[in-house]
Protein backbone atom coordinates (compact mmCIF):
# COMPACT_ATOMS: atom_id res chain seq x y z
CA MET A 1 -16.29 -13.02 0.57
CA THR A 2 -13.57 -10.53 1.49
CA LYS A 3 -13.57 -7.31 -0.51
CA TRP A 4 -10.29 -5.42 -0.80
CA GLU A 5 -9.16 -1.85 -1.22
CA TYR A 6 -5.79 -1.04 -2.78
CA ALA A 7 -3.26 1.78 -2.67
CA SER A 8 -0.16 2.60 -4.69
CA VAL A 9 2.49 4.63 -2.89
CA PRO A 10 5.75 6.16 -4.12
CA ILE A 11 8.66 5.07 -1.92
CA ILE A 12 11.37 7.62 -1.16
CA PRO A 13 14.61 5.66 -0.62
CA HIS A 14 15.82 7.53 2.48
CA ALA A 15 12.40 7.13 4.17
CA ALA A 16 11.40 3.66 2.90
CA GLN A 17 11.23 1.96 6.30
CA GLU A 18 9.17 4.75 7.84
CA ILE A 19 6.75 4.82 4.90
CA LEU A 20 6.26 1.04 4.94
CA ASN A 21 5.83 0.94 8.73
CA ASN A 22 3.26 3.76 8.65
CA TRP A 23 1.14 1.98 6.05
CA GLY A 24 1.46 -1.30 7.97
CA GLU A 25 0.32 0.40 11.19
CA ASP A 26 -2.82 1.49 9.35
CA GLY A 27 -3.62 -2.13 8.44
CA TRP A 28 -2.22 -2.17 4.89
CA GLU A 29 -0.35 -5.26 3.65
CA LEU A 30 2.49 -4.81 1.14
CA VAL A 31 1.78 -7.02 -1.88
CA ALA A 32 4.24 -5.80 -4.53
CA VAL A 33 7.05 -3.38 -5.25
CA PHE A 34 7.53 -2.08 -8.78
CA THR A 35 10.14 0.09 -10.48
CA PRO A 36 8.57 1.66 -13.57
CA PRO A 37 11.22 1.61 -16.31
CA ASP A 38 10.03 4.77 -18.03
CA VAL A 39 9.92 7.06 -14.97
CA GLY A 40 12.22 5.42 -12.41
CA GLY A 41 11.64 5.42 -8.70
CA VAL A 42 9.86 2.76 -6.70
CA VAL A 43 6.13 2.24 -6.16
CA ALA A 44 4.71 0.01 -3.42
CA TYR A 45 1.30 -1.62 -3.78
CA PHE A 46 -0.74 -2.32 -0.67
CA LYS A 47 -4.08 -3.96 0.10
CA ARG A 48 -6.38 -4.28 3.11
CA PRO A 49 -9.87 -5.63 3.67
CA LYS A 50 -12.62 -3.10 3.05
CA PRO A 51 -14.64 -2.29 6.14
CA SER A 52 -18.07 -3.89 6.21
CA PRO A 53 -20.88 -1.43 5.59
CA GLU A 54 -22.89 -0.44 8.65
CA PRO A 55 -26.30 -2.17 8.74
CA SER A 56 -29.19 0.24 8.12
């Protein structure tokens, strides 16, 4: 079974493409974008498979 790790990242409008591309280059997949109504701004949620632990 695949295990996942997640990250939430604030997205700065003038650098959105660069931020998204950098996370994608590191193997993260964008799964959602959210604009919190109480604080504004944009938050991107990413996931990627967790690395398998090294055998002992």
